[in-house]
Amino acid sequence: QRSVEDKSRQRVDIIFGATLSIGEYLMPRVITELLRSNSNLNIHMEVGNSQVLLEKLRKGDLDFVLIEGIIDKSKYHSLVFSREKFIPICAPNSLLAGKPVDFDSILSSSLVLREKGSGTREIFENILKQYNYSLDSFQNVIEIGNMAAIKKLVASDLGITFLYEIAAEQEIERGELALIDIAGFHVMREFNFVFLKNSAFTDKYVEYFHMMKEAADR
């Protein structure tokens, strides 16, 4: 009798990584939904920047990773998990808040951003290139590897930042942060579910993808 019971309750280990924006702002809801419907899951999520996570994926320390940023699709199998809005934000009392501005007018601000190797930073640097600017175009750059600290600095009007809307939704709603309305600036980026190409566990990972996506859409 006992062995039958044990089998039905067999634990499933899911070991994966997620970048900061995804791990902190999207995954808690997804994991909550997953555990509601699958009490036998053993979930291990590691949060880190894109480069670190991809290295761990290559070494076999992680089954799959959820990352923002640019993926080399020749090396990895990637499935689009969601599409998210990437937005510029400032303090509500900033001179940039509450009126349309052009891209030039944000350059005299301090820019607060994540460290090298982070997906958010890579995306932002690519956007700058499209506008023919670089990080050097800003008055000065403050690098911080922690999203909560970045938002605090911006809320205190010590600089501006660019991040995923999902990471600042609550603060914008509460009026602690404000959107900068840059003319013509509409950026959507993919959050990707990534695992190694030609993995023997491809079917299992695709199943996890659908399971997590379903939980995210609930």
Foldseek 3Di string as FASTA:
>chain_A
DVVVVCVVLAADEAFEEEEDLCVPQQVVLLVVLLCVVRVRYDYHYHYDAPVVRVVCQVVVVHAWYWAFADDPVVWKPKDFLDKFWKFKKAACPDPQFDDEDAPLVQQAFEEEEEDPRHRSVNVVQVVCVVVVHGNVSHPYYHYDHDLVVSLVCRLVRRGMYIGTCSSCVVCCVVRSMGTRNHPPDIDMTTTIIIHGPPDPCVVVSVVVSVSSSVSSVD
